Protein backbone atom coordinates (compact mmCIF):
# COMPACT_ATOMS: atom_id res chain seq x y z
CA MET A 1 -0.27 -8.93 15.20
CA MET A 2 -0.25 -5.79 17.37
CA ASP A 3 -2.94 -3.10 17.12
CA SER A 4 -0.46 -0.61 15.62
CA ASP A 5 0.53 -3.17 12.97
CA ILE A 6 -3.11 -3.68 12.02
CA SER A 7 -3.76 0.08 11.87
CA GLY A 8 -0.65 0.52 9.73
CA ALA A 9 -1.64 -2.28 7.36
CA ILE A 10 -5.16 -0.90 6.98
CA GLY A 11 -3.72 2.58 6.39
CA GLN A 12 -1.43 1.25 3.65
CA ARG A 13 -4.39 -0.37 1.93
CA ILE A 14 -6.43 2.83 2.19
CA ARG A 15 -3.57 4.81 0.61
CA ALA A 16 -3.11 2.28 -2.19
CA HIS A 17 -6.80 2.29 -3.08
CA ARG A 18 -6.98 6.10 -2.88
CA TRP A 19 -3.99 6.32 -5.22
CA SER A 20 -5.60 3.87 -7.61
CA ARG A 21 -8.57 6.26 -7.83
CA ARG A 22 -6.16 9.19 -8.45
CA MET A 23 -7.52 11.10 -5.44
CA THR A 24 -5.52 13.48 -3.27
CA GLN A 25 -5.79 13.24 0.49
CA GLY A 26 -7.75 16.49 0.39
CA GLN A 27 -10.25 15.17 -2.15
CA PHE A 28 -10.59 11.92 -0.23
CA GLY A 29 -11.07 13.75 3.07
CA ALA A 30 -13.69 16.05 1.57
CA ALA A 31 -15.58 13.04 0.20
CA VAL A 32 -15.83 11.48 3.67
CA GLY A 33 -16.10 14.67 5.74
CA VAL A 34 -12.65 14.78 7.37
CA THR A 35 -9.53 16.88 6.86
CA PHE A 36 -6.60 15.76 4.72
CA GLN A 37 -4.59 15.65 7.96
CA GLN A 38 -6.97 13.01 9.30
CA ILE A 39 -6.54 10.99 6.09
CA GLN A 40 -2.75 11.26 6.60
CA LYS A 41 -3.14 9.90 10.13
CA TYR A 42 -5.32 7.02 8.93
CA GLU A 43 -2.91 6.14 6.13
CA SER A 44 0.15 6.26 8.39
CA GLY A 45 -1.57 4.14 11.03
CA LYS A 46 -1.23 6.87 13.66
CA ASN A 47 -4.99 7.01 14.23
CA ARG A 48 -7.28 4.02 14.49
CA ILE A 49 -10.27 4.06 12.19
CA SER A 50 -13.77 3.42 13.47
CA ALA A 51 -16.05 1.03 11.62
CA VAL A 52 -18.26 3.95 10.55
CA SER A 53 -15.29 5.91 9.18
CA LEU A 54 -13.98 2.82 7.39
CA ALA A 55 -17.39 2.34 5.74
CA LYS A 56 -17.39 6.01 4.62
CA LEU A 57 -13.88 5.64 3.18
CA ALA A 58 -14.93 2.52 1.26
CA ASP A 59 -18.03 4.28 -0.09
CA ALA A 60 -15.94 7.26 -1.23
CA ILE A 61 -13.79 5.07 -3.46
CA ASP A 62 -16.49 2.54 -4.30
CA CYS A 63 -14.89 -0.57 -2.87
CA PRO A 64 -15.83 -3.14 -0.23
CA VAL A 65 -14.57 -2.48 3.29
CA ALA A 66 -12.87 -5.88 3.24
CA LEU A 67 -10.28 -4.59 0.75
CA PHE A 68 -8.79 -2.43 3.50
CA PHE A 69 -7.90 -5.40 5.68
CA PRO A 70 -4.63 -7.26 5.24
CA SER A 71 -5.18 -10.29 3.06
CA GLN A 72 -4.83 -13.56 4.87
CA ASP A 73 -3.57 -15.17 1.67
CA MET A 74 -0.72 -12.69 1.15
CA PRO A 75 2.32 -14.17 2.87
CA THR A 76 4.34 -11.47 4.60
CA ASP A 77 6.66 -13.63 6.70
CA GLY A 78 10.22 -12.61 6.04
CA LEU A 79 9.27 -9.63 3.86
CA SER A 80 10.45 -6.16 4.79
CA ARG A 81 7.91 -3.41 5.39
CA TRP A 82 9.14 -1.91 2.09
CA ALA A 83 8.30 -5.11 0.23
CA VAL A 84 4.82 -5.28 1.76
CA ASP A 85 4.19 -1.58 1.00
CA ILE A 86 5.27 -2.06 -2.60
CA ALA A 87 3.14 -5.20 -3.00
CA ILE A 88 0.06 -3.38 -1.70
CA GLU A 89 0.67 -0.36 -3.91
CA VAL A 90 1.34 -2.44 -7.02
CA ASP A 91 -1.78 -4.52 -6.31
CA ALA A 92 -3.88 -1.33 -6.60
CA LEU A 93 -2.58 -0.66 -10.13
CA SER A 94 -4.23 -1.73 -13.36
CA GLU A 95 -3.09 -5.02 -14.92
CA ASP A 96 -1.12 -3.18 -17.62
CA SER A 97 0.66 -1.02 -15.04
CA ARG A 98 1.48 -4.09 -12.90
CA ARG A 99 3.11 -5.73 -15.93
CA ILE A 100 5.19 -2.62 -16.59
CA VAL A 101 6.32 -2.44 -12.96
CA HIS A 102 7.19 -6.15 -13.05
CA SER A 103 9.28 -5.67 -16.20
CA ILE A 104 11.12 -2.73 -14.65
CA VAL A 105 11.89 -4.67 -11.47
CA GLN A 106 13.13 -7.65 -13.49
CA TYR A 107 15.39 -5.35 -15.52
CA ILE A 108 16.85 -3.69 -12.41
CA THR A 109 17.41 -7.08 -10.78
CA THR A 110 19.26 -8.29 -13.87
CA LEU A 111 21.47 -5.18 -13.80
CA GLU A 112 22.25 -5.57 -10.10
CA MET A 113 23.03 -9.27 -10.44
CA ALA A 114 25.55 -8.44 -13.17
CA GLN A 115 27.41 -5.92 -11.00
CA PRO A 116 29.87 -7.08 -8.34
CA SER A 117 28.95 -6.18 -4.80
CA PRO A 118 31.54 -3.95 -3.08
CA THR A 119 31.65 -6.29 -0.07
CA ASN A 120 30.98 -9.80 -1.33
CA GLY A 121 32.05 -9.96 -4.96
CA PRO A 122 29.16 -10.86 -7.25
CA ALA A 123 25.84 -9.53 -6.01
CA ARG A 124 24.14 -12.95 -6.09
């Protein structure tokens, strides 16, 4: 895994956990002593995050630093970046919200499977 991939994955986890706490980038930045622009750079993976900054971010949302690192047990081989982003964001939701999202995705999948694809006939 390249450095930029690691920074991006950590940034995605930071964003997901910030969202789960219903904090804006401005509120999050103020809590750790940086600007919202710096939070944007961390979350997008454009800036690397020092260990000290990572510890401050974790303290601000009351979670262990380890939650920001990509899980070794989450298989990502063959998944698009969209799929990984969605999985991370859904993982930060409450159990009830995850069930709702799952039901919605199942419903949409059922609808798409029932519609013929414009290029290949049936969608699946």
